[in-house]
Amino acid sequence: MMYKAFELRAYPNGEQSILFAKTFGCVSKVYNLMLGDKIKRYDQANETLRNIQAAALDSPRG
């Protein structure tokens, strides 16, 4: 079996750099919120919160 890899490098301009920073900041925030939900659920009910269950949660966010 042969593996291939491609390496790309992007050189964003100033506006694109700001957009990337905002996007990755939001992604990080959502990831941390969902991780907090999983940890809380495990501590309370001693069960793992799966992705499908996480999408169905109606917990308000602030």
PDB file of N, CA and C in Angstrom:
ATOM      1  N   MET A   1       0.835  -1.169   0.000  1.00  0.00           N
ATOM      2  CA  MET A   1       0.000   0.000   0.000  1.00  0.00           C
ATOM      3  C   MET A   1       0.890   1.246   0.000  1.00  0.00           C
ATOM      4  N   MET A   2       0.531   2.183  -0.822  1.00  0.00           N
ATOM      5  CA  MET A   2       1.322   3.404  -0.939  1.00  0.00           C
ATOM      6  C   MET A   2       0.534   4.587  -0.381  1.00  0.00           C
ATOM      7  N   TYR A   3       1.156   5.335   0.480  1.00  0.00           N
ATOM      8  CA  TYR A   3       0.521   6.498   1.078  1.00  0.00           C
ATOM      9  C   TYR A   3       1.025   7.760   0.389  1.00  0.00           C
ATOM     10  N   LYS A   4       0.114   8.689   0.165  1.00  0.00           N
ATOM     11  CA  LYS A   4       0.493   9.958  -0.434  1.00  0.00           C
ATOM     12  C   LYS A   4       0.101  11.084   0.506  1.00  0.00           C
ATOM     13  N   ALA A   5       0.876  12.120   0.495  1.00  0.00           N
ATOM     14  CA  ALA A   5       0.568  13.288   1.306  1.00  0.00           C
ATOM     15  C   ALA A   5       0.861  14.537   0.489  1.00  0.00           C
ATOM     16  N   PHE A   6       0.036  15.528   0.689  1.00  0.00           N
ATOM     17  CA  PHE A   6       0.230  16.815   0.037  1.00  0.00           C
ATOM     18  C   PHE A   6       0.315  17.880   1.109  1.00  0.00           C
ATOM     19  N   GLU A   7       1.257  18.738   0.993  1.00  0.00           N
ATOM     20  CA  GLU A   7       1.409  19.823   1.947  1.00  0.00           C
ATOM     21  C   GLU A   7       1.148  21.132   1.215  1.00  0.00           C
ATOM     22  N   LEU A   8       0.226  21.883   1.764  1.00  0.00           N
ATOM     23  CA  LEU A   8      -0.123  23.174   1.180  1.00  0.00           C
ATOM     24  C   LEU A   8       0.168  24.272   2.179  1.00  0.00           C
ATOM     25  N   ARG A   9       0.545  25.393   1.681  1.00  0.00           N
ATOM     26  CA  ARG A   9       0.773  26.541   2.544  1.00  0.00           C
ATOM     27  C   ARG A   9      -0.004  27.708   1.974  1.00  0.00           C
ATOM     28  N   ALA A  10      -0.747  28.363   2.845  1.00  0.00           N
ATOM     29  CA  ALA A  10      -1.553  29.508   2.419  1.00  0.00           C
ATOM     30  C   ALA A  10      -0.928  30.796   2.956  1.00  0.00           C
ATOM     31  N   TYR A  11      -1.031  31.818   2.196  1.00  0.00           N
ATOM     32  CA  TYR A  11      -0.538  33.130   2.598  1.00  0.00           C
ATOM     33  C   TYR A  11      -1.711  34.110   2.545  1.00  0.00           C
ATOM     34  N   PRO A  12      -2.539  34.109   3.607  1.00  0.00           N
ATOM     35  CA  PRO A  12      -3.722  34.972   3.585  1.00  0.00           C
ATOM     36  C   PRO A  12      -3.350  36.442   3.734  1.00  0.00           C
ATOM     37  N   ASN A  13      -4.194  37.290   3.134  1.00  0.00           N
ATOM     38  CA  ASN A  13      -3.978  38.722   3.316  1.00  0.00           C
ATOM     39  C   ASN A  13      -4.536  39.130   4.684  1.00  0.00           C
ATOM     40  N   GLY A  14      -4.504  40.384   5.004  1.00  0.00           N
ATOM     41  CA  GLY A  14      -4.924  40.867   6.323  1.00  0.00           C
ATOM     42  C   GLY A  14      -6.373  40.546   6.656  1.00  0.00           C
ATOM     43  N   GLU A  15      -7.260  40.772   5.710  1.00  0.00           N
ATOM     44  CA  GLU A  15      -8.682  40.511   5.929  1.00  0.00           C
ATOM     45  C   GLU A  15      -8.944  39.019   6.140  1.00  0.00           C
ATOM     46  N   GLN A  16      -8.286  38.179   5.354  1.00  0.00           N
ATOM     47  CA  GLN A  16      -8.445  36.735   5.494  1.00  0.00           C
ATOM     48  C   GLN A  16      -7.883  36.240   6.830  1.00  0.00           C
ATOM     49  N   SER A  17      -6.778  36.818   7.270  1.00  0.00           N
ATOM     50  CA  SER A  17      -6.195  36.434   8.559  1.00  0.00           C
ATOM     51  C   SER A  17      -7.160  36.715   9.697  1.00  0.00           C
ATOM     52  N   ILE A  18      -7.837  37.856   9.637  1.00  0.00           N
ATOM     53  CA  ILE A  18      -8.821  38.199  10.660  1.00  0.00           C
ATOM     54  C   ILE A  18      -9.979  37.213  10.624  1.00  0.00           C
ATOM     55  N   LEU A  19     -10.457  36.884   9.430  1.00  0.00           N
ATOM     56  CA  LEU A  19     -11.548  35.926   9.292  1.00  0.00           C
ATOM     57  C   LEU A  19     -11.157  34.563   9.852  1.00  0.00           C
ATOM     58  N   PHE A  20      -9.958  34.089   9.557  1.00  0.00           N
ATOM     59  CA  PHE A  20      -9.493  32.807  10.090  1.00  0.00           C
ATOM     60  C   PHE A  20      -9.419  32.847  11.611  1.00  0.00           C
ATOM     61  N   ALA A  21      -8.908  33.932  12.164  1.00  0.00           N
ATOM     62  CA  ALA A  21      -8.798  34.049  13.620  1.00  0.00           C
ATOM     63  C   ALA A  21     -10.172  34.011  14.279  1.00  0.00           C
ATOM     64  N   LYS A  22     -11.148  34.725  13.708  1.00  0.00           N
ATOM     65  CA  LYS A  22     -12.510  34.717  14.258  1.00  0.00           C
ATOM     66  C   LYS A  22     -13.134  33.333  14.141  1.00  0.00           C
ATOM     67  N   THR A  23     -12.955  32.699  12.993  1.00  0.00           N
ATOM     68  CA  THR A  23     -13.547  31.379  12.771  1.00  0.00           C
ATOM     69  C   THR A  23     -12.979  30.355  13.737  1.00  0.00           C
ATOM     70  N   PHE A  24     -11.663  30.299  13.868  1.00  0.00           N
ATOM     71  CA  PHE A  24     -11.064  29.314  14.760  1.00  0.00           C
ATOM     72  C   PHE A  24     -11.354  29.633  16.215  1.00  0.00           C
ATOM     73  N   GLY A  25     -11.533  30.900  16.546  1.00  0.00           N
ATOM     74  CA  GLY A  25     -11.945  31.266  17.902  1.00  0.00           C
ATOM     75  C   GLY A  25     -13.327  30.735  18.220  1.00  0.00           C
ATOM     76  N   CYS A  26     -14.250  30.850  17.265  1.00  0.00           N
ATOM     77  CA  CYS A  26     -15.611  30.333  17.453  1.00  0.00           C
ATOM     78  C   CYS A  26     -15.605  28.813  17.552  1.00  0.00           C
ATOM     79  N   VAL A  27     -14.832  28.175  16.719  1.00  0.00           N
ATOM     80  CA  VAL A  27     -14.747  26.709  16.747  1.00  0.00           C
ATOM     81  C   VAL A  27     -14.224  26.252  18.103  1.00  0.00           C
ATOM     82  N   SER A  28     -13.223  26.925  18.615  1.00  0.00           N
ATOM     83  CA  SER A  28     -12.659  26.583  19.914  1.00  0.00           C
ATOM     84  C   SER A  28     -13.697  26.756  21.020  1.00  0.00           C
ATOM     85  N   LYS A  29     -14.470  27.831  20.962  1.00  0.00           N
ATOM     86  CA  LYS A  29     -15.514  28.093  21.957  1.00  0.00           C
ATOM     87  C   LYS A  29     -16.565  26.988  21.945  1.00  0.00           C
ATOM     88  N   VAL A  30     -17.050  26.616  20.770  1.00  0.00           N
ATOM     89  CA  VAL A  30     -18.070  25.567  20.660  1.00  0.00           C
ATOM     90  C   VAL A  30     -17.515  24.231  21.142  1.00  0.00           C
ATOM     91  N   TYR A  31     -16.293  23.911  20.769  1.00  0.00           N
ATOM     92  CA  TYR A  31     -15.680  22.659  21.215  1.00  0.00           C
ATOM     93  C   TYR A  31     -15.616  22.605  22.737  1.00  0.00           C
ATOM     94  N   ASN A  32     -15.165  23.692  23.351  1.00  0.00           N
ATOM     95  CA  ASN A  32     -15.041  23.726  24.809  1.00  0.00           C
ATOM     96  C   ASN A  32     -16.397  23.649  25.497  1.00  0.00           C
ATOM     97  N   LEU A  33     -17.435  24.289  24.924  1.00  0.00           N
ATOM     98  CA  LEU A  33     -18.779  24.184  25.488  1.00  0.00           C
ATOM     99  C   LEU A  33     -19.284  22.741  25.444  1.00  0.00           C
ATOM    100  N   MET A  34     -19.101  22.087  24.307  1.00  0.00           N
ATOM    101  CA  MET A  34     -19.554  20.703  24.174  1.00  0.00           C
ATOM    102  C   MET A  34     -18.752  19.765  25.078  1.00  0.00           C
ATOM    103  N   LEU A  35     -17.475  20.009  25.221  1.00  0.00           N
ATOM    104  CA  LEU A  35     -16.657  19.205  26.120  1.00  0.00           C
ATOM    105  C   LEU A  35     -17.140  19.376  27.554  1.00  0.00           C
ATOM    106  N   GLY A  36     -17.484  20.600  27.933  1.00  0.00           N
ATOM    107  CA  GLY A  36     -18.035  20.855  29.264  1.00  0.00           C
ATOM    108  C   GLY A  36     -19.338  20.112  29.489  1.00  0.00           C
ATOM    109  N   ASP A  37     -20.205  20.080  28.456  1.00  0.00           N
ATOM    110  CA  ASP A  37     -21.460  19.330  28.554  1.00  0.00           C
ATOM    111  C   ASP A  37     -21.193  17.841  28.766  1.00  0.00           C
ATOM    112  N   LYS A  38     -20.226  17.307  28.022  1.00  0.00           N
ATOM    113  CA  LYS A  38     -19.916  15.882  28.146  1.00  0.00           C
ATOM    114  C   LYS A  38     -19.379  15.561  29.542  1.00  0.00           C
ATOM    115  N   ILE A  39     -18.522  16.412  30.060  1.00  0.00           N
ATOM    116  CA  ILE A  39     -17.942  16.181  31.385  1.00  0.00           C
ATOM    117  C   ILE A  39     -19.021  16.274  32.458  1.00  0.00           C
ATOM    118  N   LYS A  40     -19.896  17.290  32.356  1.00  0.00           N
ATOM    119  CA  LYS A  40     -20.966  17.458  33.326  1.00  0.00           C
ATOM    120  C   LYS A  40     -21.915  16.262  33.296  1.00  0.00           C
ATOM    121  N   ARG A  41     -22.281  15.817  32.110  1.00  0.00           N
ATOM    122  CA  ARG A  41     -23.183  14.674  31.962  1.00  0.00           C
ATOM    123  C   ARG A  41     -22.557  13.430  32.570  1.00  0.00           C
ATOM    124  N   TYR A  42     -21.283  13.230  32.343  1.00  0.00           N
ATOM    125  CA  TYR A  42     -20.605  12.058  32.901  1.00  0.00           C
ATOM    126  C   TYR A  42     -20.569  12.129  34.423  1.00  0.00           C
ATOM    127  N   ASP A  43     -20.290  13.317  34.971  1.00  0.00           N
ATOM    128  CA  ASP A  43     -20.248  13.479  36.424  1.00  0.00           C
ATOM    129  C   ASP A  43     -21.618  13.251  37.062  1.00  0.00           C
ATOM    130  N   GLN A  44     -22.688  13.699  36.404  1.00  0.00           N
ATOM    131  CA  GLN A  44     -24.028  13.595  36.968  1.00  0.00           C
ATOM    132  C   GLN A  44     -24.629  12.203  36.788  1.00  0.00           C
ATOM    133  N   ALA A  45     -24.544  11.649  35.587  1.00  0.00           N
ATOM    134  CA  ALA A  45     -25.246  10.401  35.284  1.00  0.00           C
ATOM    135  C   ALA A  45     -24.311   9.219  35.067  1.00  0.00           C
ATOM    136  N   ASN A  46     -23.017   9.461  35.104  1.00  0.00           N
ATOM    137  CA  ASN A  46     -22.012   8.424  34.874  1.00  0.00           C
ATOM    138  C   ASN A  46     -22.240   7.713  33.534  1.00  0.00           C
ATOM    139  N   GLU A  47     -22.604   8.488  32.518  1.00  0.00           N
ATOM    140  CA  GLU A  47     -22.741   7.943  31.173  1.00  0.00           C
ATOM    141  C   GLU A  47     -22.121   8.911  30.181  1.00  0.00           C
ATOM    142  N   THR A  48     -21.647   8.361  29.095  1.00  0.00           N
ATOM    143  CA  THR A  48     -20.981   9.157  28.069  1.00  0.00           C
ATOM    144  C   THR A  48     -22.010   9.823  27.168  1.00  0.00           C
ATOM    145  N   LEU A  49     -21.803  11.069  26.867  1.00  0.00           N
ATOM    146  CA  LEU A  49     -22.672  11.815  25.973  1.00  0.00           C
ATOM    147  C   LEU A  49     -22.135  11.654  24.557  1.00  0.00           C
ATOM    148  N   ARG A  50     -22.915  11.037  23.698  1.00  0.00           N
ATOM    149  CA  ARG A  50     -22.516  10.811  22.310  1.00  0.00           C
ATOM    150  C   ARG A  50     -22.898  12.017  21.465  1.00  0.00           C
ATOM    151  N   ASN A  51     -22.362  12.092  20.256  1.00  0.00           N
ATOM    152  CA  ASN A  51     -22.615  13.236  19.382  1.00  0.00           C
ATOM    153  C   ASN A  51     -24.090  13.407  19.048  1.00  0.00           C
ATOM    154  N   ILE A  52     -24.798  12.323  18.811  1.00  0.00           N
ATOM    155  CA  ILE A  52     -26.220  12.423  18.470  1.00  0.00           C
ATOM    156  C   ILE A  52     -27.001  12.954  19.657  1.00  0.00           C
ATOM    157  N   GLN A  53     -26.660  12.505  20.863  1.00  0.00           N
ATOM    158  CA  GLN A  53     -27.317  13.012  22.049  1.00  0.00           C
ATOM    159  C   GLN A  53     -26.992  14.497  22.252  1.00  0.00           C
ATOM    160  N   ALA A  54     -25.777  14.881  21.985  1.00  0.00           N
ATOM    161  CA  ALA A  54     -25.359  16.258  22.185  1.00  0.00           C
ATOM    162  C   ALA A  54     -26.143  17.201  21.274  1.00  0.00           C
ATOM    163  N   ALA A  55     -26.446  16.777  20.068  1.00  0.00           N
ATOM    164  CA  ALA A  55     -27.194  17.614  19.130  1.00  0.00           C
ATOM    165  C   ALA A  55     -28.623  17.805  19.595  1.00  0.00           C
ATOM    166  N   ALA A  56     -29.153  16.875  20.384  1.00  0.00           N
ATOM    167  CA  ALA A  56     -30.541  16.944  20.827  1.00  0.00           C
ATOM    168  C   ALA A  56     -30.712  17.716  22.130  1.00  0.00           C
ATOM    169  N   LEU A  57     -29.641  18.127  22.761  1.00  0.00           N
ATOM    170  CA  LEU A  57     -29.746  18.844  24.030  1.00  0.00           C
ATOM    171  C   LEU A  57     -30.412  20.201  23.830  1.00  0.00           C
ATOM    172  N   ASP A  58     -31.223  20.566  24.785  1.00  0.00           N
ATOM    173  CA  ASP A  58     -31.879  21.869  24.743  1.00  0.00           C
ATOM    174  C   ASP A  58     -31.294  22.800  25.793  1.00  0.00           C
ATOM    175  N   SER A  59     -30.048  22.591  26.171  1.00  0.00           N
ATOM    176  CA  SER A  59     -29.457  23.424  27.212  1.00  0.00           C
ATOM    177  C   SER A  59     -29.160  24.816  26.649  1.00  0.00           C
ATOM    178  N   PRO A  60     -29.613  25.860  27.347  1.00  0.00           N
ATOM    179  CA  PRO A  60     -29.350  27.229  26.874  1.00  0.00           C
ATOM    180  C   PRO A  60     -27.881  27.593  27.050  1.00  0.00           C
ATOM    181  N   ARG A  61     -27.393  28.383  26.171  1.00  0.00           N
ATOM    182  CA  ARG A  61     -25.993  28.831  26.201  1.00  0.00           C
ATOM    183  C   ARG A  61     -25.969  30.335  26.461  1.00  0.00           C
ATOM    184  N   GLY A  62     -24.920  30.751  27.129  1.00  0.00           N
ATOM    185  CA  GLY A  62     -24.835  32.170  27.432  1.00  0.00           C
ATOM    186  C   GLY A  62     -23.581  32.795  26.963  1.00  0.00           C
TER     187      GLY A  62
END
